[in-house]
């Protein structure tokens, strides 16, 4: 008798989890309100259901006697995962209180500032007139709670502020926004996995981003970091460990986005899940450890390798996205597979319409490769 997992979402991010669980011998049920998503055809059974409908998802889980409900790369899905799993007494990471804290940008800023961890100035905006209190530019305007880069804008002066706030509020479920200091510096990420109170993954990566026109959208990731020195990397790791301790995390993954600024390493976001950039695959090549599989092992209380992860050699690795303008038809010939790629994957088949996700630069594929250090050095 196979174990059964219900995976919330069937997009390209969840496809990694779907394939991993299938490889581990699990029966995989997918659930999404989008039957055209790429992961659907890889599931053993699929339900066209809104993953935010807790009662409907719970009913599917009960009817199929599932052993696990899980999802990766999606804040929306993780909220439902925790609610359904808690309701049905299934294994889960993190509490609903922690999920709410990390989902609410002003609450997280308040928590970090009060703990004197990565202090950043900010104000919460519910009424436009409140923005008159802000006079530092450039700044960042964000929805109070929205996944990824939706509604996030860099604002250079007061003339742009009102429009940016209205846009951010549109993406926020509670119709509020947050203005905070613009953090200037090299952007870095940290994929964290905690097992029985011990941090086993804390690998830093450098995040490559576009210019202001496509603000916040990643071009890719590098391991190890190229453009920050060892002292700054140590500072970043120490900050991550201090935050994990302050949040009292005992088990589970976290994804940190940070910047190495002239005033120290500062946190941009923390997500209670795996990232949405397939970073586990980059980590696998750089460390010979499978972040995704080990996350599942921790969830099932079967994790044994408590040794802290280390880079396996002195090589450098990159994960690079292949981007298209939105509302195009995919043609593989326009996105050739690089020679020597360690891994490559397209998200679309030829002549398939490219979905609008961020409306600016849409990911149609990605690859992992080795690279020479001087390729990315300033």
Protein backbone atom coordinates (compact mmCIF):
# COMPACT_ATOMS: atom_id res chain seq x y z
CA UNK A 1 0.00 0.00 0.00
CA UNK A 2 1.50 3.32 -1.11
CA UNK A 3 1.56 6.37 1.11
CA UNK A 4 -0.57 9.20 -0.27
CA UNK A 5 0.19 12.91 -0.44
CA UNK A 6 -2.18 15.71 -1.37
CA UNK A 7 -0.19 18.53 -3.01
CA UNK A 8 -1.83 21.94 -3.09
CA UNK A 9 -1.08 23.56 -6.43
CA UNK A 10 0.16 21.97 -9.64
CA UNK A 11 2.23 24.76 -11.22
CA UNK A 12 5.92 24.60 -12.12
CA UNK A 13 6.99 25.05 -8.50
CA UNK A 14 4.84 22.18 -7.28
CA UNK A 15 6.02 20.01 -10.17
CA UNK A 16 9.33 19.58 -8.33
CA UNK A 17 7.47 18.22 -5.31
CA UNK A 18 5.16 16.07 -7.44
CA UNK A 19 8.09 14.40 -9.21
CA UNK A 20 10.06 13.99 -5.98
CA UNK A 21 7.19 12.28 -4.17
CA UNK A 22 6.51 10.03 -7.17
CA UNK A 23 10.19 9.04 -7.19
CA UNK A 24 9.91 8.20 -3.49
CA UNK A 25 7.05 5.81 -4.30
CA UNK A 26 4.14 7.94 -3.08
CA UNK A 27 0.67 8.15 -4.61
CA UNK A 28 0.29 11.81 -5.57
CA UNK A 29 -3.00 13.72 -5.62
CA UNK A 30 -2.96 17.25 -7.02
CA UNK A 31 -5.38 20.02 -6.20
CA UNK A 32 -5.75 23.35 -8.02
CA UNK A 33 -8.34 25.57 -9.65
CA UNK A 34 -6.17 25.50 -12.79
CA UNK A 35 -6.51 22.16 -14.64
CA UNK A 36 -4.13 23.40 -17.34
CA UNK A 37 -1.09 23.66 -15.05
CA UNK A 38 2.05 21.77 -15.96
CA UNK A 39 2.03 19.44 -12.94
CA UNK A 40 -1.46 18.02 -13.48
CA UNK A 41 -0.38 15.32 -15.96
CA UNK A 42 2.22 14.00 -13.50
CA UNK A 43 -0.27 13.40 -10.67
CA UNK A 44 -2.04 10.10 -10.03
CA UNK A 45 -5.30 11.91 -9.37
CA UNK A 46 -6.34 15.54 -9.77
CA UNK A 47 -9.09 17.66 -8.24
CA UNK A 48 -10.09 21.01 -9.74
CA UNK A 49 -10.59 22.79 -6.44
CA UNK A 50 -9.60 26.15 -4.99
CA UNK A 51 -6.74 25.43 -2.55
CA UNK A 52 -7.95 28.30 -0.34
CA UNK A 53 -11.22 26.45 0.29
CA UNK A 54 -10.22 24.71 3.53
CA UNK A 55 -13.40 22.65 3.81
CA UNK A 56 -13.15 21.37 0.25
CA UNK A 57 -9.45 20.54 0.57
CA UNK A 58 -10.06 18.81 3.91
CA UNK A 59 -12.82 16.74 2.34
CA UNK A 60 -10.47 15.59 -0.45
CA UNK A 61 -7.83 14.67 2.13
CA UNK A 62 -10.33 12.68 4.22
CA UNK A 63 -11.92 10.87 1.27
CA UNK A 64 -8.51 9.76 0.02
CA UNK A 65 -7.14 8.92 3.47
CA UNK A 66 -3.99 10.95 2.75
CA UNK A 67 -0.88 10.70 4.91
CA UNK A 68 0.42 14.15 4.09
CA UNK A 69 -0.75 17.52 2.79
CA UNK A 70 2.05 19.74 1.57
CA UNK A 71 3.17 22.36 -0.90
CA UNK A 72 6.30 24.32 -1.77
CA UNK A 73 7.10 27.72 -3.30
CA UNK A 74 3.70 29.27 -2.50
CA UNK A 75 2.72 31.40 0.49
CA UNK A 76 -0.96 30.96 -0.36
CA UNK A 77 -0.65 27.18 -0.48
CA UNK A 78 1.35 26.98 2.75
CA UNK A 79 -1.43 28.78 4.65
CA UNK A 80 -3.90 26.12 3.51
CA UNK A 81 -1.40 23.30 4.16
CA UNK A 82 -1.03 24.35 7.80
CA UNK A 83 -4.76 24.84 8.35
CA UNK A 84 -5.80 21.54 6.77
CA UNK A 85 -2.97 19.53 8.35
CA UNK A 86 -3.69 20.97 11.80
CA UNK A 87 -7.39 20.27 11.40
CA UNK A 88 -6.79 16.64 10.35
CA UNK A 89 -3.90 16.01 12.75
CA UNK A 90 -1.42 15.42 9.92
CA UNK A 91 2.29 16.30 10.08
CA UNK A 92 3.02 19.97 9.45
CA UNK A 93 5.67 22.64 9.91
CA UNK A 94 5.26 25.92 11.76
CA UNK A 95 2.25 27.26 13.63
CA UNK A 96 -0.57 29.32 12.18
CA UNK A 97 0.69 32.25 14.29
CA UNK A 98 4.14 32.05 12.67
CA UNK A 99 2.58 31.82 9.20
CA UNK A 100 0.56 34.98 9.91
CA UNK A 101 3.64 36.80 11.22
CA UNK A 102 5.78 36.04 8.18
CA UNK A 103 2.89 36.77 5.82
CA UNK A 104 2.32 40.27 7.24
CA UNK A 105 5.17 42.56 6.25
CA UNK A 106 4.64 45.25 8.88
CA UNK A 107 4.28 42.69 11.67
CA UNK A 108 7.52 41.01 10.58
CA UNK A 109 9.30 44.38 10.43
CA UNK A 110 8.03 45.20 13.92
CA UNK A 111 9.16 41.82 15.25
CA UNK A 112 12.65 42.15 13.76
CA UNK A 113 13.10 45.77 14.84
CA UNK A 114 11.98 45.02 18.40
CA UNK A 115 14.43 42.10 18.50
CA UNK A 116 17.15 44.40 17.14
CA UNK A 117 17.64 42.10 14.18
CA UNK A 118 18.02 43.80 10.79
CA UNK A 119 16.47 47.15 11.81
CA UNK A 120 14.73 48.89 8.89
CA UNK A 121 12.56 52.03 9.05
CA UNK A 122 8.98 51.57 7.84
CA UNK A 123 5.40 52.80 8.18
CA UNK A 124 2.09 51.05 7.55
CA UNK A 125 -0.35 52.71 5.16
CA UNK A 126 -4.10 52.15 5.30
CA UNK A 127 -5.13 55.64 4.18
CA UNK A 128 -3.24 57.54 1.46
CA UNK A 129 -2.90 60.61 3.69
CA UNK A 130 -0.66 58.58 6.01
CA UNK A 131 2.01 58.62 3.30
CA UNK A 132 2.64 62.31 4.04
CA UNK A 133 4.63 61.10 7.05
CA UNK A 134 7.27 59.59 4.76
CA UNK A 135 10.05 61.79 3.37
CA UNK A 136 13.00 59.49 2.61
CA UNK A 137 13.73 58.52 -0.99
CA UNK A 138 14.23 56.25 -2.72
CA UNK A 139 11.96 53.91 -0.79
CA UNK A 140 10.12 50.64 -1.32
CA UNK A 141 6.33 50.29 -1.37
CA UNK A 142 4.89 46.81 -0.80
CA UNK A 143 1.50 45.21 -0.24
CA UNK A 144 1.15 44.21 3.39
CA UNK A 145 0.60 40.62 2.32
CA UNK A 146 1.16 39.34 -1.19
CA UNK A 147 3.43 36.67 -2.60
CA UNK A 148 6.58 37.37 -4.58
CA UNK A 149 7.08 40.71 -6.30
CA UNK A 150 3.40 41.48 -6.94
CA UNK A 151 2.77 45.16 -6.21
CA UNK A 152 6.34 45.83 -5.01
CA UNK A 153 7.81 49.04 -6.40
CA UNK A 154 10.85 51.22 -5.90
CA UNK A 155 9.74 54.84 -5.52
CA UNK A 156 12.17 57.67 -6.27
CA UNK A 157 10.17 60.72 -5.18
CA UNK A 158 6.92 61.88 -3.58
CA UNK A 159 5.19 62.26 -6.97
CA UNK A 160 5.35 58.49 -7.53
CA UNK A 161 4.31 57.53 -4.01
CA UNK A 162 0.51 57.77 -4.16
CA UNK A 163 0.20 55.71 -7.35
CA UNK A 164 2.56 53.06 -5.96
CA UNK A 165 0.59 52.83 -2.72
CA UNK A 166 -2.71 52.38 -4.57
CA UNK A 167 -1.12 49.65 -6.68
CA UNK A 168 0.30 47.88 -3.61
CA UNK A 169 -3.02 48.06 -1.74
CA UNK A 170 -4.69 46.43 -4.74
CA UNK A 171 -2.50 43.34 -4.27
CA UNK A 172 -2.98 43.17 -0.49
CA UNK A 173 -5.83 41.12 0.93
CA UNK A 174 -6.26 43.55 3.83
CA UNK A 175 -6.02 46.66 1.60
CA UNK A 176 -2.96 48.04 3.36
CA UNK A 177 0.58 48.77 2.20
CA UNK A 178 3.96 49.34 3.78
CA UNK A 179 6.62 51.93 2.96
CA UNK A 180 10.15 51.12 4.03
CA UNK A 181 13.72 52.19 3.46
CA UNK A 182 15.21 51.24 0.14
CA UNK A 183 18.03 48.80 0.81
CA UNK A 184 20.93 49.32 -1.56
CA UNK A 185 23.43 46.50 -1.95
CA UNK A 186 24.06 43.00 -3.21
CA UNK A 187 20.99 40.80 -2.85
CA UNK A 188 21.50 37.43 -1.19
CA UNK A 189 19.27 34.52 -0.25
CA UNK A 190 19.53 31.79 2.35
CA UNK A 191 17.75 28.47 2.19
CA UNK A 192 17.33 27.18 5.73
CA UNK A 193 16.23 23.79 7.00
CA UNK A 194 15.85 23.14 10.71
CA UNK A 195 15.67 19.57 12.01
CA UNK A 196 14.88 18.95 15.68
CA UNK A 197 16.10 22.43 16.59
CA UNK A 198 19.33 22.12 14.62
CA UNK A 199 20.05 24.12 11.47
CA UNK A 200 21.31 21.67 8.85
CA UNK A 201 20.95 23.87 5.74
CA UNK A 202 21.98 27.53 5.77
CA UNK A 203 23.48 27.92 2.31
CA UNK A 204 23.87 31.47 0.99
CA UNK A 205 23.33 32.33 -2.65
CA UNK A 206 23.71 35.58 -4.55
CA UNK A 207 20.52 36.74 -6.25
CA UNK A 208 20.86 38.35 -9.66
CA UNK A 209 18.17 40.93 -10.43
CA UNK A 210 17.12 43.21 -13.27
CA UNK A 211 17.29 47.01 -13.25
CA UNK A 212 14.50 49.22 -11.90
CA UNK A 213 12.25 48.59 -14.92
CA UNK A 214 11.82 44.99 -13.77
CA UNK A 215 12.48 45.66 -10.10
CA UNK A 216 12.78 42.60 -7.91
CA UNK A 217 12.48 40.00 -10.66
CA UNK A 218 15.41 37.57 -10.40
CA UNK A 219 17.63 36.69 -13.35
CA UNK A 220 19.07 33.80 -11.38
CA UNK A 221 21.18 32.71 -8.41
CA UNK A 222 24.85 31.99 -7.75
CA UNK A 223 26.50 29.61 -5.26
CA UNK A 224 28.74 30.55 -3.58
CA UNK A 225 28.25 34.31 -3.46
CA UNK A 226 30.67 36.19 -5.69
CA UNK A 227 30.26 39.89 -4.90
CA UNK A 228 30.29 39.91 -1.09
CA UNK A 229 33.30 39.07 1.06
CA UNK A 230 33.59 36.32 3.65
CA UNK A 231 33.02 38.63 6.63
CA UNK A 232 29.70 39.80 5.20
CA UNK A 233 28.70 36.21 4.45
CA UNK A 234 29.44 35.29 8.06
CA UNK A 235 27.34 38.25 9.20
CA UNK A 236 24.46 37.05 7.03
CA UNK A 237 24.64 33.52 8.42
CA UNK A 238 24.78 34.83 11.99
CA UNK A 239 21.71 36.99 11.33
CA UNK A 240 19.82 34.01 9.93
CA UNK A 241 20.70 31.85 12.94
CA UNK A 242 19.64 34.62 15.35
CA UNK A 243 16.29 35.02 13.59
CA UNK A 244 15.65 31.27 13.62
CA UNK A 245 16.33 31.30 17.37
CA UNK A 246 14.12 34.37 17.92
CA UNK A 247 11.27 32.72 15.98
CA UNK A 248 11.79 29.50 17.98
CA UNK A 249 11.82 27.33 14.88
CA UNK A 250 12.30 23.64 15.70
CA UNK A 251 11.58 22.01 12.34
CA UNK A 252 11.04 23.07 8.77
CA UNK A 253 12.27 25.23 5.91
CA UNK A 254 12.62 29.00 5.73
CA UNK A 255 13.64 31.15 2.80
CA UNK A 256 15.44 34.43 3.59
CA UNK A 257 15.86 37.27 1.10
CA UNK A 258 18.46 39.80 2.28
CA UNK A 259 20.72 42.60 1.09
CA UNK A 260 24.31 43.28 2.06
CA UNK A 261 24.13 47.05 2.57
CA UNK A 262 26.71 49.57 3.80
CA UNK A 263 24.82 49.46 7.13
CA UNK A 264 25.04 45.70 7.43
CA UNK A 265 23.01 42.77 6.21
CA UNK A 266 19.28 43.54 6.17
CA UNK A 267 16.33 41.18 5.73
CA UNK A 268 13.88 41.84 2.90
CA UNK A 269 11.50 38.91 3.36
CA UNK A 270 11.24 35.57 5.17
CA UNK A 271 9.02 32.80 3.80
CA UNK A 272 7.99 29.65 5.76
CA UNK A 273 8.60 27.37 2.79
CA UNK A 274 10.93 26.42 0.00
CA UNK A 275 11.64 29.24 -2.44
CA UNK A 276 9.93 29.48 -5.82
CA UNK A 277 13.18 29.43 -7.80
CA UNK A 278 14.04 25.70 -7.77
CA UNK A 279 16.99 26.49 -5.51
CA UNK A 280 17.01 22.94 -4.14
CA UNK A 281 18.33 21.83 -7.52
CA UNK A 282 21.17 24.37 -7.46
CA UNK A 283 21.98 23.29 -3.90
CA UNK A 284 22.02 19.65 -4.99
CA UNK A 285 24.77 20.34 -7.53
CA UNK A 286 26.73 22.56 -5.14
CA UNK A 287 26.49 20.34 -2.04
CA UNK A 288 25.43 16.84 -3.09
CA UNK A 289 22.55 17.22 -0.59
CA UNK A 290 18.87 17.25 -1.59
CA UNK A 291 17.14 20.10 0.23
CA UNK A 292 13.71 19.07 -1.04
CA UNK A 293 14.00 15.41 -0.06
CA UNK A 294 15.45 16.26 3.33
CA UNK A 295 12.59 18.70 3.93
CA UNK A 296 10.13 15.86 3.37
CA UNK A 297 12.18 13.66 5.73
CA UNK A 298 11.99 16.31 8.45
CA UNK A 299 8.24 16.63 7.92
CA UNK A 300 7.84 12.86 8.31
CA UNK A 301 10.17 12.79 11.36
CA UNK A 302 12.54 10.52 9.42
CA UNK A 303 15.46 12.90 8.96
CA UNK A 304 18.80 11.43 9.96
CA UNK A 305 21.60 13.54 8.43
CA UNK A 306 22.07 16.30 11.01
CA UNK A 307 25.47 17.29 9.66
CA UNK A 308 25.47 20.93 8.57
CA UNK A 309 25.61 21.19 4.79
CA UNK A 310 28.84 22.28 3.12
CA UNK A 311 29.81 23.14 -0.44
CA UNK A 312 31.29 20.01 -2.00
CA UNK A 313 34.14 21.68 -3.93
CA UNK A 314 35.63 25.02 -4.96
CA UNK A 315 33.52 25.31 -8.11
CA UNK A 316 30.87 27.94 -8.75
CA UNK A 317 27.31 27.15 -9.82
CA UNK A 318 24.54 29.22 -11.36
CA UNK A 319 20.80 28.81 -11.82
CA UNK A 320 19.66 31.10 -14.62
CA UNK A 321 16.07 31.78 -15.72
CA UNK A 322 15.07 32.04 -19.35
CA UNK A 323 12.60 34.91 -19.60
CA UNK A 324 10.06 35.97 -22.20
CA UNK A 325 7.87 39.00 -22.60
CA UNK A 326 4.30 38.21 -21.45
CA UNK A 327 1.48 37.18 -23.81
CA UNK A 328 3.77 35.41 -26.24
CA UNK A 329 3.73 31.95 -27.79
CA UNK A 330 6.57 29.75 -26.61
CA UNK A 331 9.17 28.67 -29.15
CA UNK A 332 12.02 26.54 -27.82
CA UNK A 333 14.35 27.74 -30.58
CA UNK A 334 14.30 31.20 -29.00
CA UNK A 335 15.58 29.76 -25.71
CA UNK A 336 18.41 27.35 -26.56
CA UNK A 337 19.78 24.96 -23.97
CA UNK A 338 23.27 26.20 -23.02
CA UNK A 339 26.15 23.91 -23.88
CA UNK A 340 27.36 22.03 -20.82
CA UNK A 341 24.25 22.71 -18.73
CA UNK A 342 24.05 20.40 -15.72
CA UNK A 343 20.26 20.59 -15.83
CA UNK A 344 17.70 22.29 -18.03
CA UNK A 345 13.92 22.47 -18.01
CA UNK A 346 11.32 24.26 -20.14
CA UNK A 347 8.02 25.27 -18.55
CA UNK A 348 6.16 25.19 -21.86
CA UNK A 349 5.90 23.11 -25.02
CA UNK A 350 6.19 24.62 -28.50
CA UNK A 351 3.32 26.92 -29.55
CA UNK A 352 1.90 26.93 -26.02
CA UNK A 353 0.70 30.32 -24.73
CA UNK A 354 2.91 31.82 -22.02
CA UNK A 355 0.94 32.55 -18.87
CA UNK A 356 0.94 36.01 -17.32
CA UNK A 357 2.39 35.74 -13.80
CA UNK A 358 4.13 39.05 -13.12
CA UNK A 359 3.25 40.72 -16.42
CA UNK A 360 6.82 41.83 -17.04
CA UNK A 361 9.31 38.99 -17.43
CA UNK A 362 7.79 35.51 -17.52
CA UNK A 363 9.92 32.44 -16.81
CA UNK A 364 9.76 29.91 -19.66
CA UNK A 365 12.70 27.75 -18.57
CA UNK A 366 15.80 27.56 -16.42
CA UNK A 367 19.15 25.83 -16.29
CA UNK A 368 21.90 24.98 -13.83
CA UNK A 369 25.54 25.20 -14.89
CA UNK A 370 29.06 25.56 -13.58
CA UNK A 371 30.70 28.92 -14.20
CA UNK A 372 34.05 30.63 -13.83
CA UNK A 373 34.30 33.07 -10.95
CA UNK A 374 35.34 36.00 -13.13
CA UNK A 375 32.09 35.70 -15.12
CA UNK A 376 30.14 37.53 -12.40
CA UNK A 377 32.82 39.56 -10.63
CA UNK A 378 32.60 43.33 -10.89
